[in-house]
Amino acid sequence: VDLRKSVDKSLAVDDTVTFRGVAFLDRAELFG
């Protein structure tokens, strides 16, 4: 919940987030 707030506040829609070596553009895939 807190991470979602940080991502929504800080990142643009087309920014990618890398988790454990995999880059995610889709936030739902990242959180899943």
ModelCIF file with pLDDT and N, C-alpha, C, O atoms, coordinates in Angstrom:
data_MODEL
#
_entry.id   MODEL 
#
_entity.id                         1 
_entity.type                       polymer 
_entity.pdbx_number_of_molecules   1 
#
_entity_poly.entity_id                      1 
_entity_poly.type                           'polypeptide(L)' 
_entity_poly.nstd_linkage                   no 
_entity_poly.nstd_monomer                   no 
_entity_poly.pdbx_seq_one_letter_code       VDLRKSVDKSLAVDDTVTFRGVAFLDRAELFG 
_entity_poly.pdbx_seq_one_letter_code_can   VDLRKSVDKSLAVDDTVTFRGVAFLDRAELFG 
_entity_poly.pdbx_strand_id                 A 
#
loop_
_entity_poly_seq.entity_id 
_entity_poly_seq.num 
_entity_poly_seq.mon_id 
_entity_poly_seq.hetero 
1 1  VAL n 
1 2  ASP n 
1 3  LEU n 
1 4  ARG n 
1 5  LYS n 
1 6  SER n 
1 7  VAL n 
1 8  ASP n 
1 9  LYS n 
1 10 SER n 
1 11 LEU n 
1 12 ALA n 
1 13 VAL n 
1 14 ASP n 
1 15 ASP n 
1 16 THR n 
1 17 VAL n 
1 18 THR n 
1 19 PHE n 
1 20 ARG n 
1 21 GLY n 
1 22 VAL n 
1 23 ALA n 
1 24 PHE n 
1 25 LEU n 
1 26 ASP n 
1 27 ARG n 
1 28 ALA n 
1 29 GLU n 
1 30 LEU n 
1 31 PHE n 
1 32 GLY n 
#
_struct_asym.id          A 
_struct_asym.entity_id   1 
#
loop_
_ma_qa_metric.id 
_ma_qa_metric.mode 
_ma_qa_metric.name 
_ma_qa_metric.software_group_id 
_ma_qa_metric.type 
1 global pLDDT . pLDDT 
2 local  pLDDT . pLDDT 
#
_ma_qa_metric_global.metric_id      1 
_ma_qa_metric_global.metric_value   94.50 
_ma_qa_metric_global.model_id       1 
_ma_qa_metric_global.ordinal_id     1 
#
loop_
_ma_qa_metric_local.label_asym_id 
_ma_qa_metric_local.label_comp_id 
_ma_qa_metric_local.label_seq_id 
_ma_qa_metric_local.metric_id 
_ma_qa_metric_local.metric_value 
_ma_qa_metric_local.model_id 
_ma_qa_metric_local.ordinal_id 
A VAL 1  2 96.00 1 1  
A ASP 2  2 96.00 1 2  
A LEU 3  2 96.00 1 3  
A ARG 4  2 95.00 1 4  
A LYS 5  2 95.00 1 5  
A SER 6  2 93.00 1 6  
A VAL 7  2 94.00 1 7  
A ASP 8  2 92.00 1 8  
A LYS 9  2 92.00 1 9  
A SER 10 2 89.00 1 10 
A LEU 11 2 92.00 1 11 
A ALA 12 2 92.00 1 12 
A VAL 13 2 89.00 1 13 
A ASP 14 2 92.00 1 14 
A ASP 15 2 95.00 1 15 
A THR 16 2 96.00 1 16 
A VAL 17 2 96.00 1 17 
A THR 18 2 97.00 1 18 
A PHE 19 2 97.00 1 19 
A ARG 20 2 96.00 1 20 
A GLY 21 2 95.00 1 21 
A VAL 22 2 97.00 1 22 
A ALA 23 2 96.00 1 23 
A PHE 24 2 96.00 1 24 
A LEU 25 2 94.00 1 25 
A ASP 26 2 94.00 1 26 
A ARG 27 2 94.00 1 27 
A ALA 28 2 94.00 1 28 
A GLU 29 2 96.00 1 29 
A LEU 30 2 96.00 1 30 
A PHE 31 2 96.00 1 31 
A GLY 32 2 96.00 1 32 
#
loop_
_atom_site.group_PDB 
_atom_site.id 
_atom_site.type_symbol 
_atom_site.label_atom_id 
_atom_site.label_alt_id 
_atom_site.label_comp_id 
_atom_site.label_asym_id 
_atom_site.label_entity_id 
_atom_site.label_seq_id 
_atom_site.pdbx_PDB_ins_code 
_atom_site.Cartn_x 
_atom_site.Cartn_y 
_atom_site.Cartn_z 
_atom_site.occupancy 
_atom_site.B_iso_or_equiv 
_atom_site.pdbx_formal_charge 
_atom_site.auth_seq_id 
_atom_site.auth_comp_id 
_atom_site.auth_asym_id 
_atom_site.auth_atom_id 
_atom_site.pdbx_PDB_model_num 
ATOM 1   N N  . VAL A 1 1  ? 0.844  -1.197  0.000   1.00 96.00 ? 1  VAL A N  1 
ATOM 2   C CA . VAL A 1 1  ? 0.000  0.000   0.000   1.00 96.00 ? 1  VAL A CA 1 
ATOM 3   C C  . VAL A 1 1  ? 0.880  1.248   0.000   1.00 96.00 ? 1  VAL A C  1 
ATOM 4   O O  . VAL A 1 1  ? 0.639  2.180   -0.767  1.00 96.00 ? 1  VAL A O  1 
ATOM 5   N N  . ASP A 1 2  ? 1.898  1.264   0.860   1.00 96.00 ? 2  ASP A N  1 
ATOM 6   C CA . ASP A 1 2  ? 2.796  2.408   0.932   1.00 96.00 ? 2  ASP A CA 1 
ATOM 7   C C  . ASP A 1 2  ? 3.643  2.534   -0.331  1.00 96.00 ? 2  ASP A C  1 
ATOM 8   O O  . ASP A 1 2  ? 3.868  3.642   -0.817  1.00 96.00 ? 2  ASP A O  1 
ATOM 9   N N  . LEU A 1 3  ? 4.111  1.417   -0.861  1.00 96.00 ? 3  LEU A N  1 
ATOM 10  C CA . LEU A 1 3  ? 4.907  1.441   -2.091  1.00 96.00 ? 3  LEU A CA 1 
ATOM 11  C C  . LEU A 1 3  ? 4.073  1.958   -3.258  1.00 96.00 ? 3  LEU A C  1 
ATOM 12  O O  . LEU A 1 3  ? 4.573  2.731   -4.075  1.00 96.00 ? 3  LEU A O  1 
ATOM 13  N N  . ARG A 1 4  ? 2.811  1.544   -3.349  1.00 95.00 ? 4  ARG A N  1 
ATOM 14  C CA . ARG A 1 4  ? 1.924  2.043   -4.412  1.00 95.00 ? 4  ARG A CA 1 
ATOM 15  C C  . ARG A 1 4  ? 1.798  3.561   -4.338  1.00 95.00 ? 4  ARG A C  1 
ATOM 16  O O  . ARG A 1 4  ? 1.846  4.243   -5.362  1.00 95.00 ? 4  ARG A O  1 
ATOM 17  N N  . LYS A 1 5  ? 1.637  4.084   -3.127  1.00 95.00 ? 5  LYS A N  1 
ATOM 18  C CA . LYS A 1 5  ? 1.536  5.539   -2.957  1.00 95.00 ? 5  LYS A CA 1 
ATOM 19  C C  . LYS A 1 5  ? 2.817  6.226   -3.428  1.00 95.00 ? 5  LYS A C  1 
ATOM 20  O O  . LYS A 1 5  ? 2.759  7.253   -4.104  1.00 95.00 ? 5  LYS A O  1 
ATOM 21  N N  . SER A 1 6  ? 3.960  5.668   -3.079  1.00 93.00 ? 6  SER A N  1 
ATOM 22  C CA . SER A 1 6  ? 5.238  6.248   -3.491  1.00 93.00 ? 6  SER A CA 1 
ATOM 23  C C  . SER A 1 6  ? 5.405  6.203   -5.010  1.00 93.00 ? 6  SER A C  1 
ATOM 24  O O  . SER A 1 6  ? 5.850  7.174   -5.621  1.00 93.00 ? 6  SER A O  1 
ATOM 25  N N  . VAL A 1 7  ? 5.048  5.081   -5.609  1.00 94.00 ? 7  VAL A N  1 
ATOM 26  C CA . VAL A 1 7  ? 5.159  4.933   -7.058  1.00 94.00 ? 7  VAL A CA 1 
ATOM 27  C C  . VAL A 1 7  ? 4.219  5.902   -7.763  1.00 94.00 ? 7  VAL A C  1 
ATOM 28  O O  . VAL A 1 7  ? 4.621  6.569   -8.717  1.00 94.00 ? 7  VAL A O  1 
ATOM 29  N N  . ASP A 1 8  ? 2.980  5.987   -7.308  1.00 92.00 ? 8  ASP A N  1 
ATOM 30  C CA . ASP A 1 8  ? 2.001  6.884   -7.938  1.00 92.00 ? 8  ASP A CA 1 
ATOM 31  C C  . ASP A 1 8  ? 2.410  8.349   -7.802  1.00 92.00 ? 8  ASP A C  1 
ATOM 32  O O  . ASP A 1 8  ? 2.181  9.146   -8.713  1.00 92.00 ? 8  ASP A O  1 
ATOM 33  N N  . LYS A 1 9  ? 3.008  8.702   -6.678  1.00 92.00 ? 9  LYS A N  1 
ATOM 34  C CA . LYS A 1 9  ? 3.396  10.088  -6.424  1.00 92.00 ? 9  LYS A CA 1 
ATOM 35  C C  . LYS A 1 9  ? 4.671  10.475  -7.169  1.00 92.00 ? 9  LYS A C  1 
ATOM 36  O O  . LYS A 1 9  ? 4.785  11.601  -7.654  1.00 92.00 ? 9  LYS A O  1 
ATOM 37  N N  . SER A 1 10 ? 5.615  9.567   -7.263  1.00 89.00 ? 10 SER A N  1 
ATOM 38  C CA . SER A 1 10 ? 6.957  9.904   -7.735  1.00 89.00 ? 10 SER A CA 1 
ATOM 39  C C  . SER A 1 10 ? 7.224  9.585   -9.198  1.00 89.00 ? 10 SER A C  1 
ATOM 40  O O  . SER A 1 10 ? 8.066  10.238  -9.816  1.00 89.00 ? 10 SER A O  1 
ATOM 41  N N  . LEU A 1 11 ? 6.536  8.604   -9.772  1.00 92.00 ? 11 LEU A N  1 
ATOM 42  C CA . LEU A 1 11 ? 6.872  8.120   -11.113 1.00 92.00 ? 11 LEU A CA 1 
ATOM 43  C C  . LEU A 1 11 ? 5.839  8.530   -12.141 1.00 92.00 ? 11 LEU A C  1 
ATOM 44  O O  . LEU A 1 11 ? 4.648  8.645   -11.851 1.00 92.00 ? 11 LEU A O  1 
ATOM 45  N N  . ALA A 1 12 ? 6.334  8.747   -13.359 1.00 92.00 ? 12 ALA A N  1 
ATOM 46  C CA . ALA A 1 12 ? 5.443  9.008   -14.487 1.00 92.00 ? 12 ALA A CA 1 
ATOM 47  C C  . ALA A 1 12 ? 4.880  7.682   -14.994 1.00 92.00 ? 12 ALA A C  1 
ATOM 48  O O  . ALA A 1 12 ? 5.388  6.615   -14.648 1.00 92.00 ? 12 ALA A O  1 
ATOM 49  N N  . VAL A 1 13 ? 3.849  7.750   -15.798 1.00 89.00 ? 13 VAL A N  1 
ATOM 50  C CA . VAL A 1 13 ? 3.173  6.557   -16.297 1.00 89.00 ? 13 VAL A CA 1 
ATOM 51  C C  . VAL A 1 13 ? 4.112  5.679   -17.128 1.00 89.00 ? 13 VAL A C  1 
ATOM 52  O O  . VAL A 1 13 ? 3.997  4.454   -17.099 1.00 89.00 ? 13 VAL A O  1 
ATOM 53  N N  . ASP A 1 14 ? 5.033  6.290   -17.864 1.00 92.00 ? 14 ASP A N  1 
ATOM 54  C CA . ASP A 1 14 ? 5.909  5.502   -18.733 1.00 92.00 ? 14 ASP A CA 1 
ATOM 55  C C  . ASP A 1 14 ? 7.258  5.154   -18.097 1.00 92.00 ? 14 ASP A C  1 
ATOM 56  O O  . ASP A 1 14 ? 8.153  4.675   -18.793 1.00 92.00 ? 14 ASP A O  1 
ATOM 57  N N  . ASP A 1 15 ? 7.421  5.382   -16.805 1.00 95.00 ? 15 ASP A N  1 
ATOM 58  C CA . ASP A 1 15 ? 8.641  4.986   -16.101 1.00 95.00 ? 15 ASP A CA 1 
ATOM 59  C C  . ASP A 1 15 ? 8.614  3.492   -15.802 1.00 95.00 ? 15 ASP A C  1 
ATOM 60  O O  . ASP A 1 15 ? 7.555  2.920   -15.540 1.00 95.00 ? 15 ASP A O  1 
ATOM 61  N N  . THR A 1 16 ? 9.786  2.868   -15.842 1.00 96.00 ? 16 THR A N  1 
ATOM 62  C CA . THR A 1 16 ? 9.881  1.452   -15.508 1.00 96.00 ? 16 THR A CA 1 
ATOM 63  C C  . THR A 1 16 ? 10.437 1.284   -14.099 1.00 96.00 ? 16 THR A C  1 
ATOM 64  O O  . THR A 1 16 ? 11.195 2.119   -13.606 1.00 96.00 ? 16 THR A O  1 
ATOM 65  N N  . VAL A 1 17 ? 10.043 0.185   -13.466 1.00 96.00 ? 17 VAL A N  1 
ATOM 66  C CA . VAL A 1 17 ? 10.546 -0.165  -12.144 1.00 96.00 ? 17 VAL A CA 1 
ATOM 67  C C  . VAL A 1 17 ? 11.134 -1.569  -12.232 1.00 96.00 ? 17 VAL A C  1 
ATOM 68  O O  . VAL A 1 17 ? 10.472 -2.504  -12.681 1.00 96.00 ? 17 VAL A O  1 
ATOM 69  N N  . THR A 1 18 ? 12.384 -1.704  -11.799 1.00 97.00 ? 18 THR A N  1 
ATOM 70  C CA . THR A 1 18 ? 13.059 -2.993  -11.827 1.00 97.00 ? 18 THR A CA 1 
ATOM 71  C C  . THR A 1 18 ? 13.014 -3.623  -10.440 1.00 97.00 ? 18 THR A C  1 
ATOM 72  O O  . THR A 1 18 ? 13.384 -3.003  -9.443  1.00 97.00 ? 18 THR A O  1 
ATOM 73  N N  . PHE A 1 19 ? 12.550 -4.871  -10.401 1.00 97.00 ? 19 PHE A N  1 
ATOM 74  C CA . PHE A 1 19 ? 12.507 -5.646  -9.174  1.00 97.00 ? 19 PHE A CA 1 
ATOM 75  C C  . PHE A 1 19 ? 13.164 -6.983  -9.451  1.00 97.00 ? 19 PHE A C  1 
ATOM 76  O O  . PHE A 1 19 ? 12.711 -7.737  -10.312 1.00 97.00 ? 19 PHE A O  1 
ATOM 77  N N  . ARG A 1 20 ? 14.229 -7.279  -8.727  1.00 96.00 ? 20 ARG A N  1 
ATOM 78  C CA . ARG A 1 20 ? 14.988 -8.523  -8.875  1.00 96.00 ? 20 ARG A CA 1 
ATOM 79  C C  . ARG A 1 20 ? 15.407 -8.795  -10.321 1.00 96.00 ? 20 ARG A C  1 
ATOM 80  O O  . ARG A 1 20 ? 15.281 -9.912  -10.823 1.00 96.00 ? 20 ARG A O  1 
ATOM 81  N N  . GLY A 1 21 ? 15.904 -7.751  -10.970 1.00 95.00 ? 21 GLY A N  1 
ATOM 82  C CA . GLY A 1 21 ? 16.464 -7.890  -12.306 1.00 95.00 ? 21 GLY A CA 1 
ATOM 83  C C  . GLY A 1 21 ? 15.479 -7.857  -13.449 1.00 95.00 ? 21 GLY A C  1 
ATOM 84  O O  . GLY A 1 21 ? 15.880 -7.990  -14.605 1.00 95.00 ? 21 GLY A O  1 
ATOM 85  N N  . VAL A 1 22 ? 14.191 -7.684  -13.162 1.00 97.00 ? 22 VAL A N  1 
ATOM 86  C CA . VAL A 1 22 ? 13.168 -7.639  -14.210 1.00 97.00 ? 22 VAL A CA 1 
ATOM 87  C C  . VAL A 1 22 ? 12.533 -6.252  -14.203 1.00 97.00 ? 22 VAL A C  1 
ATOM 88  O O  . VAL A 1 22 ? 12.060 -5.781  -13.169 1.00 97.00 ? 22 VAL A O  1 
ATOM 89  N N  . ALA A 1 23 ? 12.526 -5.599  -15.375 1.00 96.00 ? 23 ALA A N  1 
ATOM 90  C CA . ALA A 1 23 ? 11.930 -4.265  -15.497 1.00 96.00 ? 23 ALA A CA 1 
ATOM 91  C C  . ALA A 1 23 ? 10.438 -4.398  -15.793 1.00 96.00 ? 23 ALA A C  1 
ATOM 92  O O  . ALA A 1 23 ? 10.026 -5.175  -16.654 1.00 96.00 ? 23 ALA A O  1 
ATOM 93  N N  . PHE A 1 24 ? 9.645  -3.630  -15.065 1.00 96.00 ? 24 PHE A N  1 
ATOM 94  C CA . PHE A 1 24 ? 8.188  -3.650  -15.229 1.00 96.00 ? 24 PHE A CA 1 
ATOM 95  C C  . PHE A 1 24 ? 7.697  -2.264  -15.626 1.00 96.00 ? 24 PHE A C  1 
ATOM 96  O O  . PHE A 1 24 ? 8.011  -1.273  -14.967 1.00 96.00 ? 24 PHE A O  1 
ATOM 97  N N  . LEU A 1 25 ? 6.931  -2.200  -16.701 1.00 94.00 ? 25 LEU A N  1 
ATOM 98  C CA . LEU A 1 25 ? 6.257  -0.966  -17.077 1.00 94.00 ? 25 LEU A CA 1 
ATOM 99  C C  . LEU A 1 25 ? 4.842  -0.983  -16.509 1.00 94.00 ? 25 LEU A C  1 
ATOM 100 O O  . LEU A 1 25 ? 4.299  0.057   -16.136 1.00 94.00 ? 25 LEU A O  1 
ATOM 101 N N  . ASP A 1 26 ? 4.252  -2.174  -16.447 1.00 94.00 ? 26 ASP A N  1 
ATOM 102 C CA . ASP A 1 26 ? 2.899  -2.355  -15.923 1.00 94.00 ? 26 ASP A CA 1 
ATOM 103 C C  . ASP A 1 26 ? 2.963  -2.495  -14.400 1.00 94.00 ? 26 ASP A C  1 
ATOM 104 O O  . ASP A 1 26 ? 3.586  -3.422  -13.884 1.00 94.00 ? 26 ASP A O  1 
ATOM 105 N N  . ARG A 1 27 ? 2.327  -1.589  -13.699 1.00 94.00 ? 27 ARG A N  1 
ATOM 106 C CA . ARG A 1 27 ? 2.368  -1.594  -12.227 1.00 94.00 ? 27 ARG A CA 1 
ATOM 107 C C  . ARG A 1 27 ? 1.699  -2.829  -11.637 1.00 94.00 ? 27 ARG A C  1 
ATOM 108 O O  . ARG A 1 27 ? 2.162  -3.356  -10.626 1.00 94.00 ? 27 ARG A O  1 
ATOM 109 N N  . ALA A 1 28 ? 0.619  -3.296  -12.252 1.00 94.00 ? 28 ALA A N  1 
ATOM 110 C CA . ALA A 1 28 ? -0.073 -4.489  -11.743 1.00 94.00 ? 28 ALA A CA 1 
ATOM 111 C C  . ALA A 1 28 ? 0.843  -5.710  -11.796 1.00 94.00 ? 28 ALA A C  1 
ATOM 112 O O  . ALA A 1 28 ? 0.846  -6.528  -10.877 1.00 94.00 ? 28 ALA A O  1 
ATOM 113 N N  . GLU A 1 29 ? 1.617  -5.830  -12.870 1.00 96.00 ? 29 GLU A N  1 
ATOM 114 C CA . GLU A 1 29 ? 2.560  -6.945  -12.973 1.00 96.00 ? 29 GLU A CA 1 
ATOM 115 C C  . GLU A 1 29 ? 3.646  -6.834  -11.907 1.00 96.00 ? 29 GLU A C  1 
ATOM 116 O O  . GLU A 1 29 ? 4.041  -7.833  -11.306 1.00 96.00 ? 29 GLU A O  1 
ATOM 117 N N  . LEU A 1 30 ? 4.121  -5.620  -11.678 1.00 96.00 ? 30 LEU A N  1 
ATOM 118 C CA . LEU A 1 30 ? 5.147  -5.401  -10.651 1.00 96.00 ? 30 LEU A CA 1 
ATOM 119 C C  . LEU A 1 30 ? 4.646  -5.827  -9.286  1.00 96.00 ? 30 LEU A C  1 
ATOM 120 O O  . LEU A 1 30 ? 5.316  -6.588  -8.588  1.00 96.00 ? 30 LEU A O  1 
ATOM 121 N N  . PHE A 1 31 ? 3.480  -5.347  -8.898  1.00 96.00 ? 31 PHE A N  1 
ATOM 122 C CA . PHE A 1 31 ? 2.967  -5.668  -7.566  1.00 96.00 ? 31 PHE A CA 1 
ATOM 123 C C  . PHE A 1 31 ? 2.581  -7.137  -7.443  1.00 96.00 ? 31 PHE A C  1 
ATOM 124 O O  . PHE A 1 31 ? 2.690  -7.715  -6.362  1.00 96.00 ? 31 PHE A O  1 
ATOM 125 N N  . GLY A 1 32 ? 2.130  -7.751  -8.542  1.00 96.00 ? 32 GLY A N  1 
ATOM 126 C CA . GLY A 1 32 ? 1.851  -9.183  -8.526  1.00 96.00 ? 32 GLY A CA 1 
ATOM 127 C C  . GLY A 1 32 ? 3.117  -9.989  -8.318  1.00 96.00 ? 32 GLY A C  1 
ATOM 128 O O  . GLY A 1 32 ? 3.067  -11.218 -8.278  1.00 96.00 ? 32 GLY A O  1 
#
